[in-house]
Amino acid sequence: MKYVILILFFSGLFLNCSSSKPNIEECCPDQSSTAETSNTQQTENENEKSSSSENIYTRYRSSLSDTYSAKSNEIPLAYQEIKVVDESEDETDMFEGYRVQIYSGQNVAMADTIASIFRAWSDTTIVGYQADTYTFFKSPYYRVHVGDFHERNRAIYFSNILKRRFRDAWVVYDRIDPWKIPADTTDIYTK
């Protein structure tokens, strides 16, 4: 049974690898010459054969420069009428921005405590912006982020205010809530 399968496999492989059309047409006359031809005629026939075979080869050879020169892609009219949007306009994702991280540790109780301490401190100290706190777990640490900012410079300014109370405050890139971003004209300062 194994031999039958192997024979079928190799015969299929042989048939698939063989060409379905002749690659070079036989253009030379049958060379079955009789013994009566002389040596000079044989050399002339060989020269003719080599020159005709060269003609056949040059006729079927292609070069890299002209392989696809005759082919062109035609674009249907329906697609030609589509207006292309200028890609130079930067599309900004409204949910990408910056927050200030004030705690990162493995203790969930400490993360909740830091978040509540920040809320109480910001209510009494910070004027112009009421920053929300976000406590979440990102393996292996619990983290407390505050504020929502599109511009990194504003987040850095806010982190400098927070460093007066939270020494480990630093700006992180994060997904933000675009409806809680302070207005550009808002002045954030301490009392």
Protein backbone atom coordinates (compact mmCIF):
# COMPACT_ATOMS: atom_id res chain seq x y z
CA MET A 1 0.00 0.00 0.00
CA LYS A 2 2.88 2.35 0.84
CA TYR A 3 4.51 1.66 -2.50
CA VAL A 4 1.33 2.43 -4.39
CA ILE A 5 1.01 5.79 -2.63
CA LEU A 6 4.67 6.60 -3.29
CA ILE A 7 4.33 5.68 -6.97
CA LEU A 8 1.22 7.86 -7.30
CA PHE A 9 2.95 10.72 -5.50
CA PHE A 10 6.07 10.64 -7.68
CA SER A 11 4.08 10.22 -10.88
CA GLY A 12 1.93 13.22 -9.93
CA LEU A 13 5.06 15.19 -9.11
CA PHE A 14 6.64 14.22 -12.42
CA LEU A 15 3.53 15.17 -14.39
CA ASN A 16 3.19 18.50 -12.58
CA CYS A 17 6.81 19.40 -13.16
CA SER A 18 6.70 18.64 -16.85
CA SER A 19 5.70 21.41 -19.19
CA SER A 20 2.26 21.40 -20.77
CA LYS A 21 3.41 23.23 -23.92
CA PRO A 22 6.60 22.81 -25.84
CA ASN A 23 8.98 25.58 -24.85
CA ILE A 24 10.85 25.76 -28.13
CA GLU A 25 9.26 24.98 -31.44
CA GLU A 26 11.13 22.73 -33.76
CA CYS A 27 12.07 25.01 -36.60
CA CYS A 28 15.03 23.12 -37.90
CA PRO A 29 14.54 20.44 -40.53
CA ASP A 30 15.10 16.85 -39.63
CA GLN A 31 18.81 16.27 -39.36
CA SER A 32 18.73 12.61 -40.31
CA SER A 33 21.19 13.01 -43.11
CA THR A 34 22.54 10.15 -45.05
CA ALA A 35 26.11 9.02 -44.98
CA GLU A 36 26.63 10.59 -48.40
CA THR A 37 27.03 14.14 -47.05
CA SER A 38 30.50 15.44 -46.88
CA ASN A 39 32.35 16.93 -43.94
CA THR A 40 31.86 20.43 -45.30
CA GLN A 41 28.11 19.99 -45.44
CA GLN A 42 28.11 18.72 -41.87
CA THR A 43 29.98 21.78 -40.63
CA GLU A 44 27.60 24.07 -42.56
CA ASN A 45 24.60 22.32 -41.02
CA GLU A 46 26.13 22.65 -37.56
CA ASN A 47 26.69 26.38 -38.12
CA GLU A 48 23.11 26.80 -39.35
CA LYS A 49 21.80 24.78 -36.40
CA SER A 50 23.73 26.86 -33.87
CA SER A 51 22.62 30.14 -35.49
CA SER A 52 18.97 29.01 -35.70
CA SER A 53 19.03 27.79 -32.09
CA GLU A 54 20.47 31.16 -31.05
CA ASN A 55 17.59 32.84 -32.85
CA ILE A 56 15.14 30.62 -31.01
CA TYR A 57 16.75 31.41 -27.67
CA THR A 58 16.81 35.14 -28.26
CA ARG A 59 13.19 35.05 -29.34
CA TYR A 60 12.11 33.37 -26.09
CA ARG A 61 14.44 35.14 -23.70
CA SER A 62 13.27 38.13 -21.76
CA SER A 63 15.14 40.77 -19.89
CA LEU A 64 14.20 42.28 -16.56
CA SER A 65 13.55 45.65 -18.11
CA ASP A 66 10.83 44.55 -20.49
CA THR A 67 9.02 41.79 -18.62
CA TYR A 68 6.04 43.93 -17.63
CA SER A 69 6.48 46.86 -19.98
CA ALA A 70 3.43 45.97 -22.05
CA LYS A 71 1.18 45.50 -19.02
CA SER A 72 -0.62 48.37 -17.34
CA ASN A 73 -3.26 48.57 -14.67
CA GLU A 74 -6.40 50.35 -15.67
CA ILE A 75 -8.31 52.08 -12.89
CA PRO A 76 -12.09 51.93 -13.30
CA LEU A 77 -13.86 55.29 -13.63
CA ALA A 78 -15.84 54.75 -10.43
CA TYR A 79 -12.59 54.59 -8.45
CA GLN A 80 -11.05 57.53 -10.28
CA GLU A 81 -13.85 59.77 -9.03
CA ILE A 82 -13.12 59.03 -5.37
CA LYS A 83 -11.64 62.05 -3.64
CA VAL A 84 -8.51 61.37 -1.65
CA VAL A 85 -8.33 63.02 1.74
CA ASP A 86 -5.14 64.93 2.37
CA GLU A 87 -3.14 62.79 4.75
CA SER A 88 -1.13 65.72 6.02
CA GLU A 89 -3.88 66.54 8.50
CA ASP A 90 -3.03 64.88 11.77
CA GLU A 91 -5.87 62.91 13.25
CA THR A 92 -5.52 62.91 16.99
CA ASP A 93 -7.06 60.32 19.21
CA MET A 94 -9.02 62.20 21.85
CA PHE A 95 -8.47 59.38 24.35
CA GLU A 96 -4.67 59.56 24.25
CA GLY A 97 -2.98 61.84 26.71
CA TYR A 98 -1.13 62.16 29.99
CA ARG A 99 -1.82 61.65 33.67
CA VAL A 100 0.26 62.13 36.78
CA GLN A 101 1.14 58.97 38.69
CA ILE A 102 1.42 59.54 42.44
CA TYR A 103 1.64 55.94 43.68
CA SER A 104 2.79 52.55 42.38
CA GLY A 105 3.02 49.62 44.79
CA GLN A 106 1.76 46.17 45.70
CA ASN A 107 -0.50 47.25 48.56
CA VAL A 108 -4.09 47.93 47.53
CA ALA A 109 -4.97 49.53 50.88
CA MET A 110 -2.10 52.00 50.47
CA ALA A 111 -3.25 52.85 46.92
CA ASP A 112 -6.78 53.63 48.17
CA THR A 113 -5.36 55.65 51.06
CA ILE A 114 -3.12 57.71 48.76
CA ALA A 115 -6.09 58.36 46.44
CA SER A 116 -8.26 59.61 49.31
CA ILE A 117 -5.41 61.72 50.73
CA PHE A 118 -4.95 63.32 47.30
CA ARG A 119 -8.68 64.11 46.98
CA ALA A 120 -8.72 65.79 50.39
CA TRP A 121 -5.49 67.70 49.71
CA SER A 122 -6.52 68.87 46.22
CA ASP A 123 -9.92 70.12 47.51
CA THR A 124 -8.19 72.39 49.99
CA THR A 125 -5.03 73.33 48.08
CA ILE A 126 -5.46 73.31 44.29
CA VAL A 127 -7.44 76.09 42.60
CA GLY A 128 -8.70 76.05 39.01
CA TYR A 129 -8.86 72.30 38.36
CA GLN A 130 -10.48 69.43 40.22
CA ALA A 131 -8.46 66.38 39.12
CA ASP A 132 -10.04 62.94 39.30
CA THR A 133 -8.17 59.99 40.79
CA TYR A 134 -7.87 56.63 39.05
CA THR A 135 -6.82 53.59 41.07
CA PHE A 136 -6.17 50.46 39.04
CA PHE A 137 -4.12 47.29 39.01
CA LYS A 138 -1.52 46.75 36.32
CA SER A 139 0.39 43.60 37.13
CA PRO A 140 2.14 43.42 39.57
CA TYR A 141 1.41 46.90 41.00
CA TYR A 142 -1.54 49.00 42.07
CA ARG A 143 -1.26 52.48 40.63
CA VAL A 144 -2.89 55.81 41.37
CA HIS A 145 -3.10 58.29 38.49
CA VAL A 146 -4.61 61.76 38.71
CA GLY A 147 -5.76 64.32 36.15
CA ASP A 148 -6.37 64.21 32.41
CA PHE A 149 -4.22 66.19 29.97
CA HIS A 150 -3.71 66.25 26.21
CA GLU A 151 -0.57 68.35 26.38
CA ARG A 152 2.49 66.99 28.12
CA ASN A 153 3.63 70.45 29.22
CA ARG A 154 0.42 71.01 31.20
CA ALA A 155 0.80 67.57 32.81
CA ILE A 156 4.37 68.40 33.80
CA TYR A 157 3.24 71.73 35.27
CA PHE A 158 0.53 69.90 37.26
CA SER A 159 3.03 67.27 38.46
CA ASN A 160 5.33 70.04 39.74
CA ILE A 161 2.42 71.31 41.85
CA LEU A 162 1.76 67.79 43.16
CA LYS A 163 5.43 67.20 44.04
CA ARG A 164 5.04 69.60 46.94
CA ARG A 165 2.92 66.96 48.67
CA PHE A 166 3.62 63.74 46.70
CA ARG A 167 7.34 63.49 46.02
CA ASP A 168 7.01 60.48 43.69
CA ALA A 169 4.64 62.24 41.25
CA TRP A 170 5.61 61.90 37.61
CA VAL A 171 3.91 62.17 34.20
CA VAL A 172 2.79 58.99 32.43
CA TYR A 173 1.27 58.39 29.01
CA ASP A 174 -2.22 56.94 29.44
CA ARG A 175 -5.74 56.65 28.09
CA ILE A 176 -7.70 59.65 29.33
CA ASP A 177 -11.27 60.89 29.58
CA PRO A 178 -11.44 63.77 27.08
CA TRP A 179 -14.44 65.37 28.83
CA LYS A 180 -12.47 65.90 32.03
CA ILE A 181 -9.58 67.83 30.47
CA PRO A 182 -9.16 71.36 31.83
CA ALA A 183 -9.74 74.18 29.34
CA ASP A 184 -6.70 75.75 27.73
CA THR A 185 -7.43 79.05 29.49
CA THR A 186 -7.68 77.46 32.93
CA ASP A 187 -5.01 78.57 35.40
CA ILE A 188 -4.04 75.82 37.83
CA TYR A 189 -2.29 76.98 41.00
CA THR A 190 -2.14 76.42 44.74
CA LYS A 191 -3.63 78.61 47.48
